[in-house]
PDB file of N, CA and C in Angstrom:
ATOM      1  N   VAL A   1      78.299 110.393  85.111  1.00  0.00           N
ATOM      2  CA  VAL A   1      77.170 111.284  84.815  1.00  0.00           C
ATOM      3  C   VAL A   1      77.205 112.439  84.431  1.00  0.00           C
ATOM      4  N   GLN A   2      76.281 113.411  83.648  1.00  0.00           N
ATOM      5  CA  GLN A   2      76.382 114.880  83.160  1.00  0.00           C
ATOM      6  C   GLN A   2      75.096 115.374  82.990  1.00  0.00           C
ATOM      7  N   LEU A   3      75.192 116.509  83.767  1.00  0.00           N
ATOM      8  CA  LEU A   3      73.508 116.940  83.696  1.00  0.00           C
ATOM      9  C   LEU A   3      73.876 118.607  82.570  1.00  0.00           C
ATOM     10  N   GLN A   4      72.552 118.875  81.841  1.00  0.00           N
ATOM     11  CA  GLN A   4      72.712 119.704  80.906  1.00  0.00           C
ATOM     12  C   GLN A   4      71.531 120.759  81.087  1.00  0.00           C
ATOM     13  N   ALA A   5      71.544 121.869  81.576  1.00  0.00           N
ATOM     14  CA  ALA A   5      70.484 122.810  81.655  1.00  0.00           C
ATOM     15  C   ALA A   5      70.647 123.691  80.699  1.00  0.00           C
ATOM     16  N   SER A   6      69.248 124.038  80.323  1.00  0.00           N
ATOM     17  CA  SER A   6      69.078 125.535  79.231  1.00  0.00           C
ATOM     18  C   SER A   6      67.921 125.662  79.691  1.00  0.00           C
ATOM     19  N   GLY A   7      67.692 127.148  79.084  1.00  0.00           N
ATOM     20  CA  GLY A   7      66.135 127.875  79.054  1.00  0.00           C
ATOM     21  C   GLY A   7      66.576 128.912  80.222  1.00  0.00           C
ATOM     22  N   GLY A   8      67.692 129.545  80.647  1.00  0.00           N
ATOM     23  CA  GLY A   8      67.534 131.048  81.262  1.00  0.00           C
ATOM     24  C   GLY A   8      67.615 131.813  80.590  1.00  0.00           C
ATOM     25  N   GLY A   9      67.410 133.248  81.161  1.00  0.00           N
ATOM     26  CA  GLY A   9      67.224 134.103  80.164  1.00  0.00           C
ATOM     27  C   GLY A   9      66.772 135.791  81.099  1.00  0.00           C
ATOM     28  N   LEU A  10      66.376 136.696  80.364  1.00  0.00           N
ATOM     29  CA  LEU A  10      65.873 138.122  81.240  1.00  0.00           C
ATOM     30  C   LEU A  10      64.807 138.084  80.851  1.00  0.00           C
ATOM     31  N   VAL A  11      64.130 137.942  81.757  1.00  0.00           N
ATOM     32  CA  VAL A  11      62.460 138.466  81.575  1.00  0.00           C
ATOM     33  C   VAL A  11      61.808 139.557  82.383  1.00  0.00           C
ATOM     34  N   GLN A  12      60.511 140.178  82.327  1.00  0.00           N
ATOM     35  CA  GLN A  12      60.494 141.041  83.132  1.00  0.00           C
ATOM     36  C   GLN A  12      59.468 140.652  84.138  1.00  0.00           C
ATOM     37  N   ALA A  13      59.549 141.530  85.388  1.00  0.00           N
ATOM     38  CA  ALA A  13      58.648 140.821  86.414  1.00  0.00           C
ATOM     39  C   ALA A  13      57.217 140.307  86.024  1.00  0.00           C
ATOM     40  N   GLY A  14      57.051 139.298  86.885  1.00  0.00           N
ATOM     41  CA  GLY A  14      55.095 138.863  86.186  1.00  0.00           C
ATOM     42  C   GLY A  14      55.235 137.869  84.710  1.00  0.00           C
ATOM     43  N   GLY A  15      56.511 138.213  84.310  1.00  0.00           N
ATOM     44  CA  GLY A  15      56.868 137.425  83.074  1.00  0.00           C
ATOM     45  C   GLY A  15      56.842 135.603  83.210  1.00  0.00           C
ATOM     46  N   SER A  16      57.333 134.658  82.443  1.00  0.00           N
ATOM     47  CA  SER A  16      57.647 133.238  82.543  1.00  0.00           C
ATOM     48  C   SER A  16      58.956 133.032  81.847  1.00  0.00           C
ATOM     49  N   LEU A  17      58.994 131.806  82.388  1.00  0.00           N
ATOM     50  CA  LEU A  17      60.480 131.073  81.880  1.00  0.00           C
ATOM     51  C   LEU A  17      60.236 129.525  82.061  1.00  0.00           C
ATOM     52  N   ARG A  18      61.395 128.410  81.027  1.00  0.00           N
ATOM     53  CA  ARG A  18      60.604 127.083  81.422  1.00  0.00           C
ATOM     54  C   ARG A  18      62.646 126.677  81.265  1.00  0.00           C
ATOM     55  N   LEU A  19      62.860 126.327  82.317  1.00  0.00           N
ATOM     56  CA  LEU A  19      63.995 125.695  82.200  1.00  0.00           C
ATOM     57  C   LEU A  19      64.168 123.917  81.804  1.00  0.00           C
ATOM     58  N   SER A  20      64.994 123.420  81.538  1.00  0.00           N
ATOM     59  CA  SER A  20      65.175 122.543  81.122  1.00  0.00           C
ATOM     60  C   SER A  20      66.437 121.571  81.854  1.00  0.00           C
ATOM     61  N   CYS A  21      66.336 120.069  82.135  1.00  0.00           N
ATOM     62  CA  CYS A  21      67.571 119.833  82.537  1.00  0.00           C
ATOM     63  C   CYS A  21      67.566 118.354  81.898  1.00  0.00           C
ATOM     64  N   ALA A  22      68.512 117.816  81.190  1.00  0.00           N
ATOM     65  CA  ALA A  22      68.671 116.371  80.816  1.00  0.00           C
ATOM     66  C   ALA A  22      69.985 115.989  81.679  1.00  0.00           C
ATOM     67  N   ALA A  23      69.667 114.451  81.809  1.00  0.00           N
ATOM     68  CA  ALA A  23      70.649 114.024  82.657  1.00  0.00           C
ATOM     69  C   ALA A  23      71.510 112.351  81.696  1.00  0.00           C
ATOM     70  N   SER A  24      72.657 112.379  81.517  1.00  0.00           N
ATOM     71  CA  SER A  24      73.208 111.236  80.643  1.00  0.00           C
ATOM     72  C   SER A  24      74.164 110.480  81.705  1.00  0.00           C
ATOM     73  N   GLY A  25      74.243 109.288  81.269  1.00  0.00           N
ATOM     74  CA  GLY A  25      75.286 108.302  82.006  1.00  0.00           C
ATOM     75  C   GLY A  25      74.259 107.517  82.837  1.00  0.00           C
ATOM     76  N   ARG A  26      75.577 106.851  83.945  1.00  0.00           N
ATOM     77  CA  ARG A  26      74.842 106.015  84.977  1.00  0.00           C
ATOM     78  C   ARG A  26      73.698 106.495  85.431  1.00  0.00           C
ATOM     79  N   THR A  27      72.583 106.644  85.380  1.00  0.00           N
ATOM     80  CA  THR A  27      71.379 107.386  85.984  1.00  0.00           C
ATOM     81  C   THR A  27      70.337 106.128  86.624  1.00  0.00           C
ATOM     82  N   ARG A  28      70.467 105.142  86.294  1.00  0.00           N
ATOM     83  CA  ARG A  28      69.533 104.129  86.090  1.00  0.00           C
ATOM     84  C   ARG A  28      69.201 104.190  88.104  1.00  0.00           C
ATOM     85  N   ASN A  29      69.906 104.293  88.866  1.00  0.00           N
ATOM     86  CA  ASN A  29      69.297 104.504  90.332  1.00  0.00           C
ATOM     87  C   ASN A  29      69.024 105.836  90.920  1.00  0.00           C
ATOM     88  N   SER A  30      69.124 106.775  90.020  1.00  0.00           N
ATOM     89  CA  SER A  30      68.841 107.837  90.634  1.00  0.00           C
ATOM     90  C   SER A  30      67.550 108.131  91.118  1.00  0.00           C
ATOM     91  N   TYR A  31      67.024 108.793  92.253  1.00  0.00           N
ATOM     92  CA  TYR A  31      66.204 108.879  92.966  1.00  0.00           C
ATOM     93  C   TYR A  31      65.186 109.394  92.535  1.00  0.00           C
ATOM     94  N   GLY A  32      65.457 111.180  92.162  1.00  0.00           N
ATOM     95  CA  GLY A  32      64.819 112.050  91.362  1.00  0.00           C
ATOM     96  C   GLY A  32      65.791 113.049  90.505  1.00  0.00           C
ATOM     97  N   MET A  33      65.229 114.133  91.173  1.00  0.00           N
ATOM     98  CA  MET A  33      65.874 115.422  90.451  1.00  0.00           C
ATOM     99  C   MET A  33      65.810 116.787  91.271  1.00  0.00           C
ATOM    100  N   GLY A  34      66.498 117.743  91.208  1.00  0.00           N
ATOM    101  CA  GLY A  34      66.251 118.997  91.927  1.00  0.00           C
ATOM    102  C   GLY A  34      66.704 119.883  91.192  1.00  0.00           C
ATOM    103  N   TRP A  35      66.597 121.255  91.717  1.00  0.00           N
ATOM    104  CA  TRP A  35      66.739 122.612  91.114  1.00  0.00           C
ATOM    105  C   TRP A  35      67.127 123.262  92.592  1.00  0.00           C
ATOM    106  N   PHE A  36      67.965 124.056  92.052  1.00  0.00           N
ATOM    107  CA  PHE A  36      68.462 124.966  93.225  1.00  0.00           C
ATOM    108  C   PHE A  36      68.962 126.231  92.545  1.00  0.00           C
ATOM    109  N   ARG A  37      68.872 127.313  93.257  1.00  0.00           N
ATOM    110  CA  ARG A  37      69.628 128.626  92.728  1.00  0.00           C
ATOM    111  C   ARG A  37      70.456 129.532  93.678  1.00  0.00           C
ATOM    112  N   GLN A  38      71.593 130.414  93.368  1.00  0.00           N
ATOM    113  CA  GLN A  38      72.029 130.693  93.919  1.00  0.00           C
ATOM    114  C   GLN A  38      72.509 132.210  93.456  1.00  0.00           C
ATOM    115  N   ALA A  39      72.082 133.143  94.566  1.00  0.00           N
ATOM    116  CA  ALA A  39      72.026 134.641  94.252  1.00  0.00           C
ATOM    117  C   ALA A  39      73.118 135.142  94.488  1.00  0.00           C
ATOM    118  N   PRO A  40      73.700 136.206  93.863  1.00  0.00           N
ATOM    119  CA  PRO A  40      74.911 137.029  94.489  1.00  0.00           C
ATOM    120  C   PRO A  40      75.188 137.333  95.867  1.00  0.00           C
ATOM    121  N   GLY A  41      76.160 136.760  96.455  1.00  0.00           N
ATOM    122  CA  GLY A  41      76.258 136.946  98.041  1.00  0.00           C
ATOM    123  C   GLY A  41      75.507 135.855  99.124  1.00  0.00           C
ATOM    124  N   LYS A  42      74.716 134.965  98.165  1.00  0.00           N
ATOM    125  CA  LYS A  42      73.924 134.332  98.816  1.00  0.00           C
ATOM    126  C   LYS A  42      74.388 132.678  98.936  1.00  0.00           C
ATOM    127  N   GLU A  43      74.041 131.627  99.723  1.00  0.00           N
ATOM    128  CA  GLU A  43      74.190 130.471  99.722  1.00  0.00           C
ATOM    129  C   GLU A  43      73.075 129.569  98.434  1.00  0.00           C
ATOM    130  N   ARG A  44      73.501 128.812  98.089  1.00  0.00           N
ATOM    131  CA  ARG A  44      72.739 128.207  96.984  1.00  0.00           C
ATOM    132  C   ARG A  44      71.202 127.251  98.070  1.00  0.00           C
ATOM    133  N   GLU A  45      70.330 127.623  97.311  1.00  0.00           N
ATOM    134  CA  GLU A  45      69.252 127.368  97.953  1.00  0.00           C
ATOM    135  C   GLU A  45      68.215 126.801  96.985  1.00  0.00           C
ATOM    136  N   PHE A  46      67.448 125.721  98.170  1.00  0.00           N
ATOM    137  CA  PHE A  46      66.303 124.572  97.130  1.00  0.00           C
ATOM    138  C   PHE A  46      65.423 125.204  96.942  1.00  0.00           C
ATOM    139  N   VAL A  47      65.007 125.055  95.130  1.00  0.00           N
ATOM    140  CA  VAL A  47      63.860 125.858  94.602  1.00  0.00           C
ATOM    141  C   VAL A  47      62.789 124.482  94.542  1.00  0.00           C
ATOM    142  N   ALA A  48      62.960 123.570  93.780  1.00  0.00           N
ATOM    143  CA  ALA A  48      61.855 122.205  93.771  1.00  0.00           C
ATOM    144  C   ALA A  48      62.805 120.985  93.557  1.00  0.00           C
ATOM    145  N   ALA A  49      61.977 120.308  93.455  1.00  0.00           N
ATOM    146  CA  ALA A  49      62.446 118.545  93.305  1.00  0.00           C
ATOM    147  C   ALA A  49      61.285 117.605  92.905  1.00  0.00           C
ATOM    148  N   ILE A  50      61.534 116.769  92.244  1.00  0.00           N
ATOM    149  CA  ILE A  50      60.501 115.796  91.853  1.00  0.00           C
ATOM    150  C   ILE A  50      61.185 114.382  91.830  1.00  0.00           C
ATOM    151  N   ARG A  51      60.347 113.201  92.935  1.00  0.00           N
ATOM    152  CA  ARG A  51      60.814 112.009  93.208  1.00  0.00           C
ATOM    153  C   ARG A  51      60.214 111.073  91.603  1.00  0.00           C
ATOM    154  N   TRP A  52      61.143 110.424  91.119  1.00  0.00           N
ATOM    155  CA  TRP A  52      60.787 109.065  90.320  1.00  0.00           C
ATOM    156  C   TRP A  52      59.727 108.329  90.405  1.00  0.00           C
ATOM    157  N   THR A  53      59.785 107.711  91.559  1.00  0.00           N
ATOM    158  CA  THR A  53      58.957 106.475  92.082  1.00  0.00           C
ATOM    159  C   THR A  53      57.645 107.338  92.053  1.00  0.00           C
ATOM    160  N   ASP A  54      56.923 108.139  92.517  1.00  0.00           N
ATOM    161  CA  ASP A  54      55.709 108.145  92.474  1.00  0.00           C
ATOM    162  C   ASP A  54      55.469 109.923  91.866  1.00  0.00           C
ATOM    163  N   TYR A  55      56.545 110.468  91.367  1.00  0.00           N
ATOM    164  CA  TYR A  55      56.183 111.645  90.904  1.00  0.00           C
ATOM    165  C   TYR A  55      55.798 112.991  91.860  1.00  0.00           C
ATOM    166  N   SER A  56      56.056 112.370  93.216  1.00  0.00           N
ATOM    167  CA  SER A  56      55.992 113.702  94.203  1.00  0.00           C
ATOM    168  C   SER A  56      56.860 114.722  93.955  1.00  0.00           C
ATOM    169  N   THR A  57      56.440 115.858  94.264  1.00  0.00           N
ATOM    170  CA  THR A  57      56.930 117.093  94.108  1.00  0.00           C
ATOM    171  C   THR A  57      57.143 117.755  95.355  1.00  0.00           C
ATOM    172  N   SER A  58      58.348 118.528  95.524  1.00  0.00           N
ATOM    173  CA  SER A  58      58.327 119.369  97.006  1.00  0.00           C
ATOM    174  C   SER A  58      59.128 120.559  96.295  1.00  0.00           C
ATOM    175  N   TYR A  59      58.831 121.632  97.015  1.00  0.00           N
ATOM    176  CA  TYR A  59      58.726 123.478  96.324  1.00  0.00           C
ATOM    177  C   TYR A  59      59.496 124.028  97.561  1.00  0.00           C
ATOM    178  N   ALA A  60      60.032 124.834  97.501  1.00  0.00           N
ATOM    179  CA  ALA A  60      60.549 125.602  98.395  1.00  0.00           C
ATOM    180  C   ALA A  60      59.176 126.874  98.788  1.00  0.00           C
ATOM    181  N   ALA A  61      58.899 127.253  99.709  1.00  0.00           N
ATOM    182  CA  ALA A  61      57.731 128.311  99.976  1.00  0.00           C
ATOM    183  C   ALA A  61      57.618 129.320  98.980  1.00  0.00           C
ATOM    184  N   SER A  62      59.111 129.836  99.232  1.00  0.00           N
ATOM    185  CA  SER A  62      59.114 131.246  97.962  1.00  0.00           C
ATOM    186  C   SER A  62      58.676 130.884  96.501  1.00  0.00           C
ATOM    187  N   VAL A  63      58.484 130.043  96.222  1.00  0.00           N
ATOM    188  CA  VAL A  63      57.860 129.675  94.745  1.00  0.00           C
ATOM    189  C   VAL A  63      56.690 128.794  94.785  1.00  0.00           C
ATOM    190  N   LYS A  64      56.637 128.304  95.651  1.00  0.00           N
ATOM    191  CA  LYS A  64      54.864 127.211  95.649  1.00  0.00           C
ATOM    192  C   LYS A  64      54.125 128.370  95.071  1.00  0.00           C
ATOM    193  N   GLY A  65      53.316 127.386  94.231  1.00  0.00           N
ATOM    194  CA  GLY A  65      52.188 128.057  93.687  1.00  0.00           C
ATOM    195  C   GLY A  65      52.780 129.002  91.921  1.00  0.00           C
ATOM    196  N   ARG A  66      53.953 129.253  91.842  1.00  0.00           N
ATOM    197  CA  ARG A  66      54.796 129.760  90.963  1.00  0.00           C
ATOM    198  C   ARG A  66      55.119 129.049  90.040  1.00  0.00           C
ATOM    199  N   PHE A  67      55.842 128.022  90.397  1.00  0.00           N
ATOM    200  CA  PHE A  67      56.910 127.153  89.830  1.00  0.00           C
ATOM    201  C   PHE A  67      56.113 125.874  90.054  1.00  0.00           C
ATOM    202  N   THR A  68      56.802 125.290  88.516  1.00  0.00           N
ATOM    203  CA  THR A  68      56.201 123.814  88.539  1.00  0.00           C
ATOM    204  C   THR A  68      57.145 122.850  87.950  1.00  0.00           C
ATOM    205  N   ILE A  69      57.339 121.769  88.730  1.00  0.00           N
ATOM    206  CA  ILE A  69      58.564 121.062  88.064  1.00  0.00           C
ATOM    207  C   ILE A  69      57.877 119.776  87.549  1.00  0.00           C
ATOM    208  N   SER A  70      58.209 119.118  86.258  1.00  0.00           N
ATOM    209  CA  SER A  70      57.708 118.107  85.721  1.00  0.00           C
ATOM    210  C   SER A  70      58.622 116.980  85.312  1.00  0.00           C
ATOM    211  N   ARG A  71      58.556 115.714  84.980  1.00  0.00           N
ATOM    212  CA  ARG A  71      59.302 115.350  84.285  1.00  0.00           C
ATOM    213  C   ARG A  71      59.344 114.711  82.763  1.00  0.00           C
ATOM    214  N   ASP A  72      60.511 114.468  82.177  1.00  0.00           N
ATOM    215  CA  ASP A  72      60.104 114.220  80.426  1.00  0.00           C
ATOM    216  C   ASP A  72      60.255 112.874  80.890  1.00  0.00           C
ATOM    217  N   ASN A  73      58.902 112.274  80.625  1.00  0.00           N
ATOM    218  CA  ASN A  73      59.008 110.649  80.876  1.00  0.00           C
ATOM    219  C   ASN A  73      59.574 109.718  79.484  1.00  0.00           C
ATOM    220  N   ALA A  74      60.361 110.584  78.945  1.00  0.00           N
ATOM    221  CA  ALA A  74      60.920 109.638  77.717  1.00  0.00           C
ATOM    222  C   ALA A  74      62.684 109.792  77.858  1.00  0.00           C
ATOM    223  N   LYS A  75      63.070 110.379  79.222  1.00  0.00           N
ATOM    224  CA  LYS A  75      64.480 110.211  79.588  1.00  0.00           C
ATOM    225  C   LYS A  75      64.638 111.055  80.762  1.00  0.00           C
ATOM    226  N   VAL A  76      65.700 110.727  81.630  1.00  0.00           N
ATOM    227  CA  VAL A  76      66.062 111.215  82.712  1.00  0.00           C
ATOM    228  C   VAL A  76      66.187 112.893  82.406  1.00  0.00           C
ATOM    229  N   ALA A  77      64.972 113.393  82.622  1.00  0.00           N
ATOM    230  CA  ALA A  77      64.985 115.278  82.282  1.00  0.00           C
ATOM    231  C   ALA A  77      63.843 115.547  83.248  1.00  0.00           C
ATOM    232  N   VAL A  78      64.200 116.859  83.734  1.00  0.00           N
ATOM    233  CA  VAL A  78      62.971 117.211  84.422  1.00  0.00           C
ATOM    234  C   VAL A  78      62.797 118.885  83.589  1.00  0.00           C
ATOM    235  N   ASN A  79      61.612 119.480  83.882  1.00  0.00           N
ATOM    236  CA  ASN A  79      61.542 121.047  83.274  1.00  0.00           C
ATOM    237  C   ASN A  79      60.988 121.920  84.491  1.00  0.00           C
ATOM    238  N   LEU A  80      61.316 122.966  84.757  1.00  0.00           N
ATOM    239  CA  LEU A  80      60.576 123.735  85.880  1.00  0.00           C
ATOM    240  C   LEU A  80      60.204 124.880  84.932  1.00  0.00           C
ATOM    241  N   GLN A  81      58.765 125.364  85.146  1.00  0.00           N
ATOM    242  CA  GLN A  81      57.956 126.137  84.733  1.00  0.00           C
ATOM    243  C   GLN A  81      58.035 127.252  85.636  1.00  0.00           C
ATOM    244  N   MET A  82      58.540 128.577  85.301  1.00  0.00           N
ATOM    245  CA  MET A  82      58.373 129.470  86.310  1.00  0.00           C
ATOM    246  C   MET A  82      57.238 130.562  85.880  1.00  0.00           C
ATOM    247  N   ASN A  83      56.440 130.959  86.710  1.00  0.00           N
ATOM    248  CA  ASN A  83      55.454 131.577  85.714  1.00  0.00           C
ATOM    249  C   ASN A  83      55.465 132.890  87.530  1.00  0.00           C
ATOM    250  N   SER A  84      55.143 133.989  86.996  1.00  0.00           N
ATOM    251  CA  SER A  84      54.826 135.579  87.567  1.00  0.00           C
ATOM    252  C   SER A  84      56.331 135.456  88.635  1.00  0.00           C
ATOM    253  N   LEU A  85      57.122 135.360  87.777  1.00  0.00           N
ATOM    254  CA  LEU A  85      58.471 135.948  88.455  1.00  0.00           C
ATOM    255  C   LEU A  85      58.708 137.146  88.827  1.00  0.00           C
ATOM    256  N   LYS A  86      59.491 137.049  89.968  1.00  0.00           N
ATOM    257  CA  LYS A  86      59.527 138.276  90.631  1.00  0.00           C
ATOM    258  C   LYS A  86      61.418 138.310  91.090  1.00  0.00           C
ATOM    259  N   PRO A  87      61.791 139.814  90.757  1.00  0.00           N
ATOM    260  CA  PRO A  87      63.262 140.213  90.984  1.00  0.00           C
ATOM    261  C   PRO A  87      64.035 139.285  91.678  1.00  0.00           C
ATOM    262  N   GLU A  88      63.266 138.604  93.129  1.00  0.00           N
ATOM    263  CA  GLU A  88      64.205 138.207  93.854  1.00  0.00           C
ATOM    264  C   GLU A  88      64.311 136.515  93.521  1.00  0.00           C
ATOM    265  N   ASP A  89      63.523 136.305  92.001  1.00  0.00           N
ATOM    266  CA  ASP A  89      63.909 135.060  91.658  1.00  0.00           C
ATOM    267  C   ASP A  89      64.796 135.015  90.673  1.00  0.00           C
ATOM    268  N   THR A  90      65.773 136.499  90.724  1.00  0.00           N
ATOM    269  CA  THR A  90      67.054 136.295  89.937  1.00  0.00           C
ATOM    270  C   THR A  90      68.105 135.696  90.335  1.00  0.00           C
ATOM    271  N   ALA A  91      68.709 134.910  89.936  1.00  0.00           N
ATOM    272  CA  ALA A  91      69.873 134.006  90.484  1.00  0.00           C
ATOM    273  C   ALA A  91      70.238 132.994  89.170  1.00  0.00           C
ATOM    274  N   VAL A  92      71.375 132.363  89.650  1.00  0.00           N
ATOM    275  CA  VAL A  92      71.678 131.049  88.573  1.00  0.00           C
ATOM    276  C   VAL A  92      70.903 129.940  89.038  1.00  0.00           C
ATOM    277  N   TYR A  93      70.389 129.234  88.221  1.00  0.00           N
ATOM    278  CA  TYR A  93      69.521 128.115  88.781  1.00  0.00           C
ATOM    279  C   TYR A  93      70.514 126.657  88.180  1.00  0.00           C
ATOM    280  N   TYR A  94      70.433 125.914  89.376  1.00  0.00           N
ATOM    281  CA  TYR A  94      71.339 124.320  88.864  1.00  0.00           C
ATOM    282  C   TYR A  94      70.575 123.480  89.027  1.00  0.00           C
ATOM    283  N   CYS A  95      70.400 122.680  88.292  1.00  0.00           N
ATOM    284  CA  CYS A  95      70.015 121.032  88.685  1.00  0.00           C
ATOM    285  C   CYS A  95      70.514 120.102  88.776  1.00  0.00           C
ATOM    286  N   ALA A  96      70.009 119.157  89.589  1.00  0.00           N
ATOM    287  CA  ALA A  96      71.174 118.179  90.503  1.00  0.00           C
ATOM    288  C   ALA A  96      70.355 117.086  90.589  1.00  0.00           C
ATOM    289  N   LEU A  97      71.514 115.715  90.519  1.00  0.00           N
ATOM    290  CA  LEU A  97      70.826 114.449  90.586  1.00  0.00           C
ATOM    291  C   LEU A  97      71.499 113.453  92.255  1.00  0.00           C
ATOM    292  N   PRO A  98      70.774 113.012  92.791  1.00  0.00           N
ATOM    293  CA  PRO A  98      71.443 112.422  93.824  1.00  0.00           C
ATOM    294  C   PRO A  98      71.779 111.081  93.384  1.00  0.00           C
ATOM    295  N   SER A  99      72.480 110.385  94.122  1.00  0.00           N
ATOM    296  CA  SER A  99      73.523 109.286  93.558  1.00  0.00           C
ATOM    297  C   SER A  99      72.665 107.790  94.368  1.00  0.00           C
ATOM    298  N   ASP A 100      72.164 108.031  95.294  1.00  0.00           N
ATOM    299  CA  ASP A 100      71.673 107.027  95.878  1.00  0.00           C
ATOM    300  C   ASP A 100      70.016 107.010  96.374  1.00  0.00           C
ATOM    301  N   ARG A 101      69.561 106.121  96.613  1.00  0.00           N
ATOM    302  CA  ARG A 101      67.830 106.430  97.481  1.00  0.00           C
ATOM    303  C   ARG A 101      68.076 107.565  98.780  1.00  0.00           C
ATOM    304  N   GLY A 102      66.627 107.974  98.958  1.00  0.00           N
ATOM    305  CA  GLY A 102      66.721 108.630 100.114  1.00  0.00           C
ATOM    306  C   GLY A 102      65.047 108.690 100.474  1.00  0.00           C
ATOM    307  N   THR A 103      65.023 109.677 100.830  1.00  0.00           N
ATOM    308  CA  THR A 103      63.567 110.035 101.177  1.00  0.00           C
ATOM    309  C   THR A 103      62.689 111.162 101.041  1.00  0.00           C
ATOM    310  N   TYR A 104      61.705 111.605 101.083  1.00  0.00           N
ATOM    311  CA  TYR A 104      61.010 112.344 100.357  1.00  0.00           C
ATOM    312  C   TYR A 104      61.644 113.957 100.721  1.00  0.00           C
ATOM    313  N   SER A 105      61.860 113.699 102.367  1.00  0.00           N
ATOM    314  CA  SER A 105      62.525 115.233 102.802  1.00  0.00           C
ATOM    315  C   SER A 105      63.925 115.593 102.245  1.00  0.00           C
ATOM    316  N   SER A 106      64.967 114.123 101.715  1.00  0.00           N
ATOM    317  CA  SER A 106      65.676 114.864 101.558  1.00  0.00           C
ATOM    318  C   SER A 106      66.029 115.150 100.248  1.00  0.00           C
ATOM    319  N   LEU A 107      64.706 115.732  99.434  1.00  0.00           N
ATOM    320  CA  LEU A 107      64.845 115.741  98.400  1.00  0.00           C
ATOM    321  C   LEU A 107      65.051 117.275  98.346  1.00  0.00           C
ATOM    322  N   SER A 108      64.822 118.135  99.381  1.00  0.00           N
ATOM    323  CA  SER A 108      65.481 119.524  99.434  1.00  0.00           C
ATOM    324  C   SER A 108      66.736 119.679 100.006  1.00  0.00           C
ATOM    325  N   ASP A 109      67.238 118.527 100.496  1.00  0.00           N
ATOM    326  CA  ASP A 109      68.837 119.036 100.975  1.00  0.00           C
ATOM    327  C   ASP A 109      69.692 119.169 100.257  1.00  0.00           C
ATOM    328  N   ARG A 110      70.159 119.938 100.009  1.00  0.00           N
ATOM    329  CA  ARG A 110      71.657 120.051  98.956  1.00  0.00           C
ATOM    330  C   ARG A 110      72.263 119.012  99.376  1.00  0.00           C
ATOM    331  N   ALA A 111      72.598 118.320 100.503  1.00  0.00           N
ATOM    332  CA  ALA A 111      74.270 117.319 100.705  1.00  0.00           C
ATOM    333  C   ALA A 111      73.514 116.254 100.007  1.00  0.00           C
ATOM    334  N   PHE A 112      72.332 116.034  99.493  1.00  0.00           N
ATOM    335  CA  PHE A 112      71.722 115.113  99.162  1.00  0.00           C
ATOM    336  C   PHE A 112      72.180 114.460  97.723  1.00  0.00           C
ATOM    337  N   TYR A 113      72.541 115.755  96.805  1.00  0.00           N
ATOM    338  CA  TYR A 113      72.687 115.383  95.967  1.00  0.00           C
ATOM    339  C   TYR A 113      74.187 115.664  95.103  1.00  0.00           C
ATOM    340  N   LYS A 114      74.687 114.795  94.348  1.00  0.00           N
ATOM    341  CA  LYS A 114      76.134 114.559  93.998  1.00  0.00           C
ATOM    342  C   LYS A 114      76.453 115.061  92.731  1.00  0.00           C
ATOM    343  N   TYR A 115      75.436 115.063  92.006  1.00  0.00           N
ATOM    344  CA  TYR A 115      75.615 115.564  90.501  1.00  0.00           C
ATOM    345  C   TYR A 115      74.868 117.004  90.683  1.00  0.00           C
ATOM    346  N   TRP A 116      75.954 117.566  89.536  1.00  0.00           N
ATOM    347  CA  TRP A 116      75.144 119.046  89.595  1.00  0.00           C
ATOM    348  C   TRP A 116      75.212 119.655  87.882  1.00  0.00           C
ATOM    349  N   GLY A 117      74.567 120.487  87.368  1.00  0.00           N
ATOM    350  CA  GLY A 117      74.488 120.738  86.257  1.00  0.00           C
ATOM    351  C   GLY A 117      75.091 122.262  86.283  1.00  0.00           C
ATOM    352  N   GLN A 118      75.644 122.527  85.013  1.00  0.00           N
ATOM    353  CA  GLN A 118      76.504 123.811  85.148  1.00  0.00           C
ATOM    354  C   GLN A 118      75.847 125.164  85.444  1.00  0.00           C
ATOM    355  N   GLY A 119      74.846 125.381  85.606  1.00  0.00           N
ATOM    356  CA  GLY A 119      73.790 126.525  85.766  1.00  0.00           C
ATOM    357  C   GLY A 119      73.425 127.165  84.836  1.00  0.00           C
ATOM    358  N   THR A 120      72.719 127.612  84.724  1.00  0.00           N
ATOM    359  CA  THR A 120      71.816 128.955  84.110  1.00  0.00           C
ATOM    360  C   THR A 120      71.408 129.786  84.451  1.00  0.00           C
ATOM    361  N   GLN A 121      71.834 131.165  84.074  1.00  0.00           N
ATOM    362  CA  GLN A 121      71.306 132.682  84.291  1.00  0.00           C
ATOM    363  C   GLN A 121      69.760 132.543  84.361  1.00  0.00           C
ATOM    364  N   VAL A 122      69.085 133.102  85.363  1.00  0.00           N
ATOM    365  CA  VAL A 122      67.735 133.707  85.507  1.00  0.00           C
ATOM    366  C   VAL A 122      67.943 135.354  86.075  1.00  0.00           C
ATOM    367  N   THR A 123      67.172 136.177  85.319  1.00  0.00           N
ATOM    368  CA  THR A 123      67.557 137.238  85.600  1.00  0.00           C
ATOM    369  C   THR A 123      66.148 137.864  85.422  1.00  0.00           C
ATOM    370  N   VAL A 124      65.209 138.571  85.994  1.00  0.00           N
ATOM    371  CA  VAL A 124      64.012 139.270  86.307  1.00  0.00           C
ATOM    372  C   VAL A 124      64.317 140.650  86.538  1.00  0.00           C
ATOM    373  N   SER A 125      63.848 141.547  85.907  1.00  0.00           N
ATOM    374  CA  SER A 125      64.056 143.094  85.820  1.00  0.00           C
ATOM    375  C   SER A 125      62.695 143.180  86.085  1.00  0.00           C
ATOM    376  N   SER A 126      62.234 144.468  87.094  1.00  0.00           N
ATOM    377  CA  SER A 126      61.409 145.068  87.830  1.00  0.00           C
ATOM    378  C   SER A 126      60.743 146.319  87.069  1.00  0.00           C
TER     379      SER A 126
END
């Protein structure tokens, strides 16, 4: 399984960016897809996730209402629309894919994910 993320960049506070991630390979049994981020000196943290079965979504409290995750129905891929960006959103963003079935609560658990993309830098200037 390979994950390819794209769409990062530099934006001013209050602006928007759209990240995309596409998976290839043996993805038939995947449960959903998630986004995580890691700022310098900090641990990787959950951002958002979507479950394939019913398109249920999960968001970190810090991004809820500003970020929207959606699936590209034509393939195993997701988009992350990020609006009202803040300097504290600056981080490397990683998309991830679990290898097994899980529960809704597992979508926000970093340990649930087996496959990771290469990361894309998002920088928000004040």
